[in-house]
């Protein structure tokens, strides 16, 4: 019984926060000062935190992806090339041994 109640409240809360996120996102594009003033006046800390943290998270994720690509792309390409080489050699040997 209480699980249904928690799920219902969670759904309602996620709908409200999703609506506020979309509204504030569009507001920041069209009139950023007004939107930030409304968020400050309403003292909606979750939305303020979301809009302050989101750009930082995207930046860190992008930097992490760049670092991983530089670090691992050559290793991944080398490994895939080696696997392909072994695969082709295996089948070439089978062809040669059949003749």
C-alpha atoms as a PDB file:
ATOM      1  CA  UNK A   1       0.000   0.000   0.000  1.00  0.00           C
ATOM      2  CA  UNK A   2       2.702   2.492   0.973  1.00  0.00           C
ATOM      3  CA  UNK A   3       4.747   1.529  -2.114  1.00  0.00           C
ATOM      4  CA  UNK A   4       1.883   2.662  -4.342  1.00  0.00           C
ATOM      5  CA  UNK A   5       1.662   5.914  -2.426  1.00  0.00           C
ATOM      6  CA  UNK A   6       5.403   6.558  -2.742  1.00  0.00           C
ATOM      7  CA  UNK A   7       5.318   5.693  -6.449  1.00  0.00           C
ATOM      8  CA  UNK A   8       2.386   8.049  -7.010  1.00  0.00           C
ATOM      9  CA  UNK A   9       4.121  10.880  -5.152  1.00  0.00           C
ATOM     10  CA  UNK A  10       7.345  10.189  -7.052  1.00  0.00           C
ATOM     11  CA  UNK A  11       5.524  10.324 -10.358  1.00  0.00           C
ATOM     12  CA  UNK A  12       3.803  13.590  -9.468  1.00  0.00           C
ATOM     13  CA  UNK A  13       7.058  15.114  -8.256  1.00  0.00           C
ATOM     14  CA  UNK A  14       8.922  14.054 -11.397  1.00  0.00           C
ATOM     15  CA  UNK A  15       6.167  15.526 -13.591  1.00  0.00           C
ATOM     16  CA  UNK A  16       6.328  18.824 -11.685  1.00  0.00           C
ATOM     17  CA  UNK A  17      10.125  18.996 -11.856  1.00  0.00           C
ATOM     18  CA  UNK A  18      10.111  18.067 -15.559  1.00  0.00           C
ATOM     19  CA  UNK A  19       7.617  20.842 -16.291  1.00  0.00           C
ATOM     20  CA  UNK A  20       9.681  23.352 -14.315  1.00  0.00           C
ATOM     21  CA  UNK A  21      12.871  22.235 -16.052  1.00  0.00           C
ATOM     22  CA  UNK A  22      11.378  22.711 -19.516  1.00  0.00           C
ATOM     23  CA  UNK A  23       9.782  26.035 -18.537  1.00  0.00           C
ATOM     24  CA  UNK A  24      13.006  27.353 -17.046  1.00  0.00           C
ATOM     25  CA  UNK A  25      15.107  26.073 -19.954  1.00  0.00           C
ATOM     26  CA  UNK A  26      12.961  27.914 -22.455  1.00  0.00           C
ATOM     27  CA  UNK A  27      12.865  30.940 -20.183  1.00  0.00           C
ATOM     28  CA  UNK A  28      16.661  31.039 -19.994  1.00  0.00           C
ATOM     29  CA  UNK A  29      16.819  31.083 -23.777  1.00  0.00           C
ATOM     30  CA  UNK A  30      14.233  33.843 -24.300  1.00  0.00           C
ATOM     31  CA  UNK A  31      14.530  36.015 -21.175  1.00  0.00           C
ATOM     32  CA  UNK A  32      17.301  34.826 -18.843  1.00  0.00           C
ATOM     33  CA  UNK A  33      17.187  37.699 -16.335  1.00  0.00           C
ATOM     34  CA  UNK A  34      13.461  37.326 -15.723  1.00  0.00           C
ATOM     35  CA  UNK A  35      13.704  33.547 -15.395  1.00  0.00           C
ATOM     36  CA  UNK A  36      16.574  33.688 -12.917  1.00  0.00           C
ATOM     37  CA  UNK A  37      14.748  36.379 -10.941  1.00  0.00           C
ATOM     38  CA  UNK A  38      11.603  34.227 -10.747  1.00  0.00           C
ATOM     39  CA  UNK A  39      13.622  31.182  -9.638  1.00  0.00           C
ATOM     40  CA  UNK A  40      15.318  33.306  -6.973  1.00  0.00           C
ATOM     41  CA  UNK A  41      12.040  34.825  -5.776  1.00  0.00           C
ATOM     42  CA  UNK A  42      10.330  31.420  -5.591  1.00  0.00           C
ATOM     43  CA  UNK A  43      13.368  30.044  -3.741  1.00  0.00           C
ATOM     44  CA  UNK A  44      13.238  26.914  -5.862  1.00  0.00           C
ATOM     45  CA  UNK A  45      16.637  25.589  -4.830  1.00  0.00           C
ATOM     46  CA  UNK A  46      16.322  22.346  -6.790  1.00  0.00           C
ATOM     47  CA  UNK A  47      15.866  24.189 -10.083  1.00  0.00           C
ATOM     48  CA  UNK A  48      18.597  26.697  -9.263  1.00  0.00           C
ATOM     49  CA  UNK A  49      20.992  23.902  -8.406  1.00  0.00           C
ATOM     50  CA  UNK A  50      20.013  22.032 -11.557  1.00  0.00           C
ATOM     51  CA  UNK A  51      20.776  24.992 -13.781  1.00  0.00           C
ATOM     52  CA  UNK A  52      24.015  25.804 -11.979  1.00  0.00           C
ATOM     53  CA  UNK A  53      25.296  22.222 -11.928  1.00  0.00           C
ATOM     54  CA  UNK A  54      24.111  21.062 -15.372  1.00  0.00           C
ATOM     55  CA  UNK A  55      26.647  23.107 -17.408  1.00  0.00           C
ATOM     56  CA  UNK A  56      29.459  21.944 -15.129  1.00  0.00           C
ATOM     57  CA  UNK A  57      28.444  18.310 -15.473  1.00  0.00           C
ATOM     58  CA  UNK A  58      28.274  18.622 -19.256  1.00  0.00           C
ATOM     59  CA  UNK A  59      31.703  20.268 -19.298  1.00  0.00           C
ATOM     60  CA  UNK A  60      33.249  17.580 -17.095  1.00  0.00           C
ATOM     61  CA  UNK A  61      31.616  14.806 -19.139  1.00  0.00           C
ATOM     62  CA  UNK A  62      32.976  16.331 -22.354  1.00  0.00           C
ATOM     63  CA  UNK A  63      36.466  16.701 -20.912  1.00  0.00           C
ATOM     64  CA  UNK A  64      36.326  13.125 -19.676  1.00  0.00           C
ATOM     65  CA  UNK A  65      35.308  11.874 -23.104  1.00  0.00           C
ATOM     66  CA  UNK A  66      38.157  13.802 -24.740  1.00  0.00           C
ATOM     67  CA  UNK A  67      40.631  12.355 -22.248  1.00  0.00           C
ATOM     68  CA  UNK A  68      39.320   8.820 -22.729  1.00  0.00           C
ATOM     69  CA  UNK A  69      39.411   9.131 -26.480  1.00  0.00           C
ATOM     70  CA  UNK A  70      43.004  10.318 -26.505  1.00  0.00           C
ATOM     71  CA  UNK A  71      44.030   7.703 -23.985  1.00  0.00           C
ATOM     72  CA  UNK A  72      42.113   4.710 -25.252  1.00  0.00           C
ATOM     73  CA  UNK A  73      41.306   5.269 -28.925  1.00  0.00           C
ATOM     74  CA  UNK A  74      44.743   4.171 -30.084  1.00  0.00           C
ATOM     75  CA  UNK A  75      44.630   1.110 -27.818  1.00  0.00           C
ATOM     76  CA  UNK A  76      41.125   0.231 -29.016  1.00  0.00           C
ATOM     77  CA  UNK A  77      42.064   0.669 -32.681  1.00  0.00           C
ATOM     78  CA  UNK A  78      45.210  -1.391 -32.230  1.00  0.00           C
ATOM     79  CA  UNK A  79      43.268  -4.165 -30.478  1.00  0.00           C
ATOM     80  CA  UNK A  80      40.526  -4.226 -33.124  1.00  0.00           C
ATOM     81  CA  UNK A  81      43.129  -4.290 -35.902  1.00  0.00           C
ATOM     82  CA  UNK A  82      44.950  -7.166 -34.214  1.00  0.00           C
ATOM     83  CA  UNK A  83      41.725  -9.136 -33.778  1.00  0.00           C
ATOM     84  CA  UNK A  84      40.829  -8.579 -37.431  1.00  0.00           C
ATOM     85  CA  UNK A  85      44.328  -9.642 -38.471  1.00  0.00           C
ATOM     86  CA  UNK A  86      44.133 -12.870 -36.432  1.00  0.00           C
ATOM     87  CA  UNK A  87      40.640 -13.591 -37.802  1.00  0.00           C
ATOM     88  CA  UNK A  88      41.771 -13.170 -41.400  1.00  0.00           C
ATOM     89  CA  UNK A  89      44.925 -15.223 -40.846  1.00  0.00           C
ATOM     90  CA  UNK A  90      42.820 -18.003 -39.296  1.00  0.00           C
ATOM     91  CA  UNK A  91      40.548 -18.217 -42.315  1.00  0.00           C
ATOM     92  CA  UNK A  92      43.418 -17.880 -44.754  1.00  0.00           C
ATOM     93  CA  UNK A  93      45.190 -20.795 -43.054  1.00  0.00           C
ATOM     94  CA  UNK A  94      42.010 -22.875 -43.318  1.00  0.00           C
ATOM     95  CA  UNK A  95      41.816 -22.113 -47.024  1.00  0.00           C
ATOM     96  CA  UNK A  96      45.471 -23.023 -47.547  1.00  0.00           C
ATOM     97  CA  UNK A  97      45.138 -26.241 -45.560  1.00  0.00           C
ATOM     98  CA  UNK A  98      42.062 -27.333 -47.542  1.00  0.00           C
ATOM     99  CA  UNK A  99      43.951 -27.192 -50.852  1.00  0.00           C
END
